Amino acid sequence: MNYKISLRYDGSLFYGWARQPQKRTVQGDLEEIFKSIFKINNIRIIGSGRTDKGVHAYEQTFSVKHSALKYDSHIIYQALCSRTSSDIQILEVQKVDDSFHAQYNATSKTYQYVINDYEFDLFRNNYELFVNQKINDQKILEALELFVGEHDFKSFSTSELTMTIRRINWVKIKRDTHLIIYINANGFLKNMVRMIVASCLDYAFNKISLAKIHELLIYPKKGASIKLAPACGLYLYKVYY
């Protein structure tokens, strides 16, 4: 059977989503749980995409398919909840058609980036970016809107992929004591959101111009944008199917 499973996680103590030798990852933890509970050694889960070290998820999705998995969804849900650590929360388990693939069937994703320009909070240090000066929200939005549409994001990624064209569907910001940035796209490249956020902050703090950001989009070049916002403020917010 094939299952679609949604979860959230605190990425602070993980080396990202994808399994890595000798390192704790979300995929690695989950696959070991499946092996332990269901006694299946060759299990492999497929995430909607990868998150890097220190990046969190409000809602990540993965699919898992194996002929030995023949259980009702609530049995899988209860079994996973009983074994996951305190930094992983299983949200939902659904039986799905055998053709479902968590990565390939995703139509878009939303990422969230949280910035604190209000007051430093030691206990939120792993969950937000603190900047020690007030941000001009309107300038952040002006810069963000340059990225909407289909572009070659080679300048805003550390990906080794040759195909670096993506479409950003929408952006928005939300303000309370913190500034929260939302970016929705049909797909994301490695470090793309963190580079976009870093560029927007540079514009807000008068370190670069809108024209420079526009130039990086019009004339894409790997390594052109070297700044990277810290991982701590980044969240995979939602995956759409």
Protein backbone atom coordinates (compact mmCIF):
# COMPACT_ATOMS: atom_id res chain seq x y z
CA MET A 1 0.00 0.00 0.00
CA ASN A 2 0.94 3.64 -0.47
CA TYR A 3 0.55 6.28 2.25
CA LYS A 4 0.71 10.06 2.23
CA ILE A 5 1.94 11.34 5.59
CA SER A 6 2.18 14.94 6.78
CA LEU A 7 4.34 16.04 9.67
CA ARG A 8 6.07 19.00 11.24
CA TYR A 9 9.50 19.17 12.79
CA ASP A 10 11.91 21.35 14.69
CA GLY A 11 15.01 21.35 12.51
CA SER A 12 17.39 22.66 15.17
CA LEU A 13 19.04 19.30 15.91
CA PHE A 14 18.75 17.75 12.45
CA TYR A 15 21.26 17.84 9.60
CA GLY A 16 18.36 18.45 7.25
CA TRP A 17 15.69 16.20 5.78
CA ALA A 18 17.71 13.82 3.59
CA ARG A 19 19.41 10.75 5.02
CA GLN A 20 23.17 11.18 5.55
CA PRO A 21 25.72 8.68 6.90
CA GLN A 22 26.50 9.11 10.61
CA LYS A 23 24.26 12.19 10.92
CA ARG A 24 20.80 12.64 12.35
CA THR A 25 18.24 13.59 9.70
CA VAL A 26 14.44 13.61 9.57
CA GLN A 27 14.29 11.03 6.78
CA GLY A 28 16.80 8.85 8.59
CA ASP A 29 14.84 8.94 11.85
CA LEU A 30 11.56 8.11 10.13
CA GLU A 31 12.96 5.24 8.07
CA GLU A 32 14.49 3.71 11.20
CA ILE A 33 11.11 3.98 12.95
CA PHE A 34 9.39 2.17 10.05
CA LYS A 35 12.04 -0.55 10.11
CA SER A 36 11.70 -0.98 13.86
CA ILE A 37 7.90 -1.08 14.01
CA PHE A 38 7.05 -2.95 10.82
CA LYS A 39 10.22 -5.05 10.46
CA ILE A 40 10.85 -3.90 6.89
CA ASN A 41 14.54 -3.46 6.13
CA ASN A 42 14.29 -2.00 2.63
CA ILE A 43 11.82 0.79 3.40
CA ARG A 44 12.36 4.18 1.75
CA ILE A 45 10.30 7.30 2.27
CA ILE A 46 10.02 10.08 -0.31
CA GLY A 47 9.71 13.67 0.88
CA SER A 48 8.10 16.51 -1.05
CA GLY A 49 11.55 18.08 -1.05
CA ARG A 50 14.62 18.53 1.11
CA THR A 51 15.14 21.01 3.90
CA ASP A 52 18.66 21.90 4.98
CA LYS A 53 20.34 21.71 8.37
CA GLY A 54 18.53 23.89 10.91
CA VAL A 55 15.46 24.51 8.70
CA HIS A 56 12.07 23.75 10.25
CA ALA A 57 8.76 22.53 8.82
CA TYR A 58 5.22 23.46 9.79
CA GLU A 59 3.99 20.98 7.21
CA GLN A 60 6.20 18.58 5.29
CA THR A 61 4.76 15.66 3.33
CA PHE A 62 6.23 12.28 2.48
CA SER A 63 4.99 9.14 0.79
CA VAL A 64 5.89 5.59 1.70
CA LYS A 65 4.98 2.51 -0.34
CA HIS A 66 5.72 -1.12 0.42
CA SER A 67 3.92 -4.41 -0.21
CA ALA A 68 4.33 -5.34 3.47
CA LEU A 69 2.51 -2.22 4.65
CA LYS A 70 -1.13 -3.32 4.78
CA TYR A 71 -2.54 -1.35 7.69
CA ASP A 72 -5.33 1.14 8.21
CA SER A 73 -4.19 4.75 8.30
CA HIS A 74 -4.95 5.17 12.00
CA ILE A 75 -2.71 2.19 12.85
CA ILE A 76 0.20 3.76 10.98
CA TYR A 77 -0.54 7.11 12.63
CA GLN A 78 -0.61 5.70 16.16
CA ALA A 79 2.50 3.61 15.59
CA LEU A 80 4.50 6.57 14.30
CA CYS A 81 3.29 8.89 17.07
CA SER A 82 4.39 6.35 19.68
CA ARG A 83 7.97 6.29 18.39
CA THR A 84 8.81 9.75 17.06
CA SER A 85 11.03 12.01 19.14
CA SER A 86 9.80 15.26 20.67
CA ASP A 87 11.05 17.29 17.69
CA ILE A 88 8.89 15.43 15.13
CA GLN A 89 5.07 15.56 15.12
CA ILE A 90 2.99 13.38 12.82
CA LEU A 91 -0.06 15.34 11.62
CA GLU A 92 -1.97 12.99 9.33
CA VAL A 93 -1.73 9.62 7.58
CA GLN A 94 -3.78 8.87 4.45
CA LYS A 95 -4.00 5.86 2.17
CA VAL A 96 -3.46 7.02 -1.40
CA ASP A 97 -3.34 5.60 -4.90
CA ASP A 98 -0.19 3.64 -5.74
CA SER A 99 0.74 6.29 -8.30
CA PHE A 100 1.02 9.07 -5.68
CA HIS A 101 4.52 10.50 -5.28
CA ALA A 102 5.13 13.14 -2.60
CA GLN A 103 7.71 15.00 -4.66
CA TYR A 104 6.45 14.69 -8.22
CA ASN A 105 2.76 15.29 -7.44
CA ALA A 106 3.37 18.51 -5.48
CA THR A 107 2.05 21.50 -7.43
CA SER A 108 3.56 24.23 -5.25
CA LYS A 109 5.09 24.94 -1.85
CA THR A 110 5.10 27.87 0.51
CA TYR A 111 8.08 28.80 2.63
CA GLN A 112 7.99 31.18 5.57
CA TYR A 113 10.86 33.25 6.93
CA VAL A 114 10.64 34.81 10.40
CA ILE A 115 12.62 37.95 11.27
CA ASN A 116 12.73 39.58 14.71
CA ASP A 117 13.64 43.28 14.64
CA TYR A 118 11.90 43.98 17.95
CA GLU A 119 13.75 42.51 20.93
CA PHE A 120 16.32 39.73 21.20
CA ASP A 121 14.92 36.53 22.71
CA LEU A 122 17.53 33.93 23.65
CA PHE A 123 14.98 31.12 23.69
CA ARG A 124 13.81 31.91 20.15
CA ASN A 125 17.34 32.06 18.76
CA ASN A 126 16.98 28.79 16.81
CA TYR A 127 13.60 29.79 15.35
CA GLU A 128 14.03 33.30 13.95
CA LEU A 129 16.59 35.71 12.57
CA PHE A 130 17.27 38.61 14.93
CA VAL A 131 18.37 41.90 13.34
CA ASN A 132 19.38 44.77 15.57
CA GLN A 133 17.67 47.53 13.60
CA LYS A 134 14.14 48.26 12.46
CA ILE A 135 13.18 46.98 9.03
CA ASN A 136 11.36 49.04 6.43
CA ASP A 137 8.55 46.61 5.58
CA GLN A 138 7.61 48.41 2.39
CA LYS A 139 11.13 48.06 1.02
CA ILE A 140 11.09 44.33 1.80
CA LEU A 141 7.84 43.98 -0.15
CA GLU A 142 9.18 46.04 -3.06
CA ALA A 143 12.17 43.73 -3.36
CA LEU A 144 10.11 40.56 -2.95
CA GLU A 145 7.75 41.55 -5.75
CA LEU A 146 10.65 41.59 -8.21
CA PHE A 147 10.89 37.82 -7.82
CA VAL A 148 7.26 37.07 -8.72
CA GLY A 149 6.88 35.26 -12.04
CA GLU A 150 9.08 32.83 -13.95
CA HIS A 151 12.80 33.52 -13.72
CA ASP A 152 16.14 31.79 -13.94
CA PHE A 153 17.18 31.75 -10.27
CA LYS A 154 20.78 30.70 -10.88
CA SER A 155 21.99 33.86 -9.11
CA PHE A 156 19.91 32.95 -6.07
CA SER A 157 20.88 29.35 -5.52
CA THR A 158 23.81 27.10 -4.69
CA SER A 159 22.23 24.23 -6.64
CA GLU A 160 24.29 22.14 -9.04
CA LEU A 161 21.23 21.61 -11.27
CA THR A 162 21.43 22.83 -14.86
CA MET A 163 17.69 23.63 -14.91
CA THR A 164 17.32 26.63 -12.59
CA ILE A 165 14.10 28.19 -13.89
CA ARG A 166 11.30 28.36 -11.33
CA ARG A 167 8.02 30.27 -11.03
CA ILE A 168 7.19 32.25 -7.91
CA ASN A 169 3.41 32.48 -7.78
CA TRP A 170 3.02 34.97 -4.95
CA VAL A 171 4.76 36.68 -2.06
CA LYS A 172 3.41 38.43 1.01
CA ILE A 173 4.53 39.78 4.35
CA LYS A 174 2.85 39.79 7.73
CA ARG A 175 3.78 42.14 10.55
CA ASP A 176 3.25 41.98 14.31
CA THR A 177 6.28 42.29 16.57
CA HIS A 178 8.06 40.18 13.93
CA LEU A 179 8.25 40.43 10.16
CA ILE A 180 7.15 37.21 8.47
CA ILE A 181 7.82 36.62 4.78
CA TYR A 182 5.86 34.09 2.71
CA ILE A 183 6.98 32.85 -0.72
CA ASN A 184 4.97 30.39 -2.82
CA ALA A 185 6.49 28.75 -5.91
CA ASN A 186 6.16 25.73 -8.16
CA GLY A 187 9.53 24.61 -6.84
CA PHE A 188 12.62 25.84 -5.02
CA LEU A 189 16.34 25.46 -5.58
CA LYS A 190 18.89 24.84 -2.84
CA ASN A 191 19.21 27.95 -0.63
CA MET A 192 16.91 29.92 -2.96
CA VAL A 193 14.64 31.34 -0.25
CA ARG A 194 17.55 32.20 2.04
CA MET A 195 19.32 34.09 -0.76
CA ILE A 196 16.14 35.94 -1.72
CA VAL A 197 15.57 36.98 1.90
CA ALA A 198 19.20 38.10 2.28
CA SER A 199 18.90 40.25 -0.87
CA CYS A 200 15.65 41.81 0.35
CA LEU A 201 17.24 42.66 3.70
CA ASP A 202 20.24 44.21 1.94
CA TYR A 203 17.86 46.42 -0.03
CA ALA A 204 15.90 47.36 3.10
CA PHE A 205 19.16 48.37 4.79
CA ASN A 206 20.34 50.35 1.72
CA LYS A 207 23.22 47.99 0.92
CA ILE A 208 22.05 47.19 -2.62
CA SER A 209 19.55 48.69 -5.07
CA LEU A 210 16.43 47.27 -6.66
CA ALA A 211 18.25 47.61 -9.97
CA LYS A 212 20.97 45.27 -8.73
CA ILE A 213 18.43 42.62 -7.70
CA HIS A 214 16.72 43.01 -11.07
CA GLU A 215 20.09 42.61 -12.81
CA LEU A 216 20.73 39.33 -10.97
CA LEU A 217 17.41 38.02 -12.29
CA ILE A 218 17.87 39.26 -15.86
CA TYR A 219 21.49 38.10 -16.12
CA PRO A 220 21.61 34.96 -13.97
CA LYS A 221 25.05 33.84 -12.89
CA LYS A 222 25.98 31.20 -10.36
CA GLY A 223 27.71 32.73 -7.36
CA ALA A 224 26.54 36.26 -8.17
CA SER A 225 24.55 36.49 -4.93
CA ILE A 226 26.75 35.22 -2.11
CA LYS A 227 24.72 36.25 0.92
CA LEU A 228 22.62 33.64 2.69
CA ALA A 229 20.08 34.37 5.43
CA PRO A 230 20.53 31.97 8.39
CA ALA A 231 18.64 28.68 8.35
CA CYS A 232 17.05 29.28 11.77
CA GLY A 233 14.34 31.61 10.44
CA LEU A 234 13.21 29.37 7.58
CA TYR A 235 10.16 27.08 7.67
CA LEU A 236 8.59 24.84 5.04
CA TYR A 237 5.08 26.15 5.61
CA LYS A 238 2.82 24.12 3.32
CA VAL A 239 2.93 21.69 0.40
CA TYR A 240 0.08 21.78 -2.13
CA TYR A 241 -1.21 18.86 -4.23
